[in-house]
Amino acid sequence: MRIDAHVLAQDCVAAVCEPGDADGRERTDEQHREAVVKLGRLWSRIGSEPFRHGVHFLDRHLQRPRDLLAERRKEFAALCRSRRDQPHL
């Protein structure tokens, strides 16, 4: 699935994310619905709110999304460090 995230300008107050087809593969309706749910869970982890039909809305001026994004970045950095520190075979 492709993620279409449109931010109009640096001072834009909102972002809208909508799932879409990225690779041209055929998917059943059930596969599409499952992907929409998974993407929604992921987007919610950075503070976006469900709008309708799989579309999520992010108010970029709220503090909560900034805090959540900072937490996700820390988690990612920790994951990178742990992978880097693992002995290579």
C-alpha atoms as a PDB file:
ATOM      1  CA  MET A   1       0.000   0.000   0.000  1.00  0.00           C
ATOM      2  CA  ARG A   2       1.203   3.495  -0.764  1.00  0.00           C
ATOM      3  CA  ILE A   3       0.803   6.236   1.792  1.00  0.00           C
ATOM      4  CA  ASP A   4      -0.217   9.571   0.345  1.00  0.00           C
ATOM      5  CA  ALA A   5       0.704  12.246   2.854  1.00  0.00           C
ATOM      6  CA  HIS A   6       0.123  15.764   1.635  1.00  0.00           C
ATOM      7  CA  VAL A   7       1.668  18.699   3.443  1.00  0.00           C
ATOM      8  CA  LEU A   8       0.973  21.896   1.567  1.00  0.00           C
ATOM      9  CA  ALA A   9       3.601  24.182   3.083  1.00  0.00           C
ATOM     10  CA  GLN A  10       6.018  24.306   5.987  1.00  0.00           C
ATOM     11  CA  ASP A  11       3.571  26.441   7.968  1.00  0.00           C
ATOM     12  CA  CYS A  12       0.655  24.161   7.070  1.00  0.00           C
ATOM     13  CA  VAL A  13      -1.563  23.357  10.042  1.00  0.00           C
ATOM     14  CA  ALA A  14      -2.734  19.896   8.979  1.00  0.00           C
ATOM     15  CA  ALA A  15      -1.663  16.755   7.183  1.00  0.00           C
ATOM     16  CA  VAL A  16      -3.957  14.148   5.674  1.00  0.00           C
ATOM     17  CA  CYS A  17      -2.868  10.540   5.151  1.00  0.00           C
ATOM     18  CA  GLU A  18      -4.745   8.221   2.822  1.00  0.00           C
ATOM     19  CA  PRO A  19      -3.825   4.617   2.009  1.00  0.00           C
ATOM     20  CA  GLY A  20      -3.448   3.778  -1.661  1.00  0.00           C
ATOM     21  CA  ASP A  21      -1.949   1.194  -4.011  1.00  0.00           C
ATOM     22  CA  ALA A  22       1.842   1.502  -4.285  1.00  0.00           C
ATOM     23  CA  ASP A  23       2.941  -1.428  -6.369  1.00  0.00           C
ATOM     24  CA  GLY A  24       0.067  -2.263  -8.689  1.00  0.00           C
ATOM     25  CA  ARG A  25      -0.592  -5.647  -7.063  1.00  0.00           C
ATOM     26  CA  GLU A  26      -4.166  -6.821  -7.005  1.00  0.00           C
ATOM     27  CA  ARG A  27      -5.632  -7.092  -3.516  1.00  0.00           C
ATOM     28  CA  THR A  28      -8.903  -8.468  -2.306  1.00  0.00           C
ATOM     29  CA  ASP A  29     -11.292  -6.162  -0.491  1.00  0.00           C
ATOM     30  CA  GLU A  30     -10.410  -7.981   2.733  1.00  0.00           C
ATOM     31  CA  GLN A  31      -6.666  -7.436   2.189  1.00  0.00           C
ATOM     32  CA  HIS A  32      -7.298  -3.764   1.507  1.00  0.00           C
ATOM     33  CA  ARG A  33      -9.430  -3.373   4.647  1.00  0.00           C
ATOM     34  CA  GLU A  34      -6.753  -5.133   6.718  1.00  0.00           C
ATOM     35  CA  ALA A  35      -4.045  -2.821   5.351  1.00  0.00           C
ATOM     36  CA  VAL A  36      -6.176   0.253   6.082  1.00  0.00           C
ATOM     37  CA  VAL A  37      -6.626  -0.897   9.697  1.00  0.00           C
ATOM     38  CA  LYS A  38      -2.883  -1.541  10.129  1.00  0.00           C
ATOM     39  CA  LEU A  39      -1.953   1.840   8.660  1.00  0.00           C
ATOM     40  CA  GLY A  40      -4.518   3.520  10.896  1.00  0.00           C
ATOM     41  CA  ARG A  41      -2.920   1.938  13.964  1.00  0.00           C
ATOM     42  CA  LEU A  42       0.497   3.091  12.817  1.00  0.00           C
ATOM     43  CA  TRP A  43      -0.640   6.647  12.089  1.00  0.00           C
ATOM     44  CA  SER A  44      -2.402   6.806  15.464  1.00  0.00           C
ATOM     45  CA  ARG A  45       0.953   6.157  17.126  1.00  0.00           C
ATOM     46  CA  ILE A  46       2.038   9.645  16.037  1.00  0.00           C
ATOM     47  CA  GLY A  47      -1.228  11.360  16.906  1.00  0.00           C
ATOM     48  CA  SER A  48      -3.258  11.270  13.712  1.00  0.00           C
ATOM     49  CA  GLU A  49      -7.005  10.880  14.097  1.00  0.00           C
ATOM     50  CA  PRO A  50      -9.287   8.766  11.911  1.00  0.00           C
ATOM     51  CA  PHE A  51     -11.508  10.839   9.649  1.00  0.00           C
ATOM     52  CA  ARG A  52     -13.389   8.480   7.298  1.00  0.00           C
ATOM     53  CA  HIS A  53     -12.777   5.721   4.747  1.00  0.00           C
ATOM     54  CA  GLY A  54      -9.240   5.063   6.009  1.00  0.00           C
ATOM     55  CA  VAL A  55      -8.235   8.723   5.805  1.00  0.00           C
ATOM     56  CA  HIS A  56      -6.421  10.121   8.852  1.00  0.00           C
ATOM     57  CA  PHE A  57      -5.993  13.753   9.842  1.00  0.00           C
ATOM     58  CA  LEU A  58      -3.062  15.209  11.789  1.00  0.00           C
ATOM     59  CA  ASP A  59      -3.245  18.649  13.395  1.00  0.00           C
ATOM     60  CA  ARG A  60       0.388  19.735  13.210  1.00  0.00           C
ATOM     61  CA  HIS A  61      -0.033  22.494  15.805  1.00  0.00           C
ATOM     62  CA  LEU A  62      -0.966  20.194  18.685  1.00  0.00           C
ATOM     63  CA  GLN A  63       1.743  19.218  21.169  1.00  0.00           C
ATOM     64  CA  ARG A  64       0.618  15.576  21.474  1.00  0.00           C
ATOM     65  CA  PRO A  65       1.690  14.558  17.935  1.00  0.00           C
ATOM     66  CA  ARG A  66       5.079  16.187  18.494  1.00  0.00           C
ATOM     67  CA  ASP A  67       5.535  14.287  21.753  1.00  0.00           C
ATOM     68  CA  LEU A  68       4.428  11.006  20.176  1.00  0.00           C
ATOM     69  CA  LEU A  69       6.733  11.511  17.206  1.00  0.00           C
ATOM     70  CA  ALA A  70       9.648  12.217  19.563  1.00  0.00           C
ATOM     71  CA  GLU A  71       8.862   8.958  21.396  1.00  0.00           C
ATOM     72  CA  ARG A  72       8.764   6.999  18.109  1.00  0.00           C
ATOM     73  CA  ARG A  73      12.126   8.528  17.097  1.00  0.00           C
ATOM     74  CA  LYS A  74      13.654   7.463  20.428  1.00  0.00           C
ATOM     75  CA  GLU A  75      12.287   3.943  19.940  1.00  0.00           C
ATOM     76  CA  PHE A  76      13.738   3.843  16.435  1.00  0.00           C
ATOM     77  CA  ALA A  77      17.141   5.088  17.615  1.00  0.00           C
ATOM     78  CA  ALA A  78      17.193   2.442  20.362  1.00  0.00           C
ATOM     79  CA  LEU A  79      16.311  -0.249  17.831  1.00  0.00           C
ATOM     80  CA  CYS A  80      19.110   0.944  15.530  1.00  0.00           C
ATOM     81  CA  ARG A  81      21.595   0.873  18.411  1.00  0.00           C
ATOM     82  CA  SER A  82      20.571  -2.634  19.440  1.00  0.00           C
ATOM     83  CA  ARG A  83      20.911  -3.879  15.853  1.00  0.00           C
ATOM     84  CA  ARG A  84      24.290  -2.177  15.502  1.00  0.00           C
ATOM     85  CA  ASP A  85      25.530  -3.697  18.759  1.00  0.00           C
ATOM     86  CA  GLN A  86      24.536  -7.257  17.839  1.00  0.00           C
ATOM     87  CA  PRO A  87      27.439  -9.488  16.847  1.00  0.00           C
ATOM     88  CA  HIS A  88      27.448 -10.223  13.130  1.00  0.00           C
ATOM     89  CA  LEU A  89      27.778 -13.818  12.016  1.00  0.00           C
END
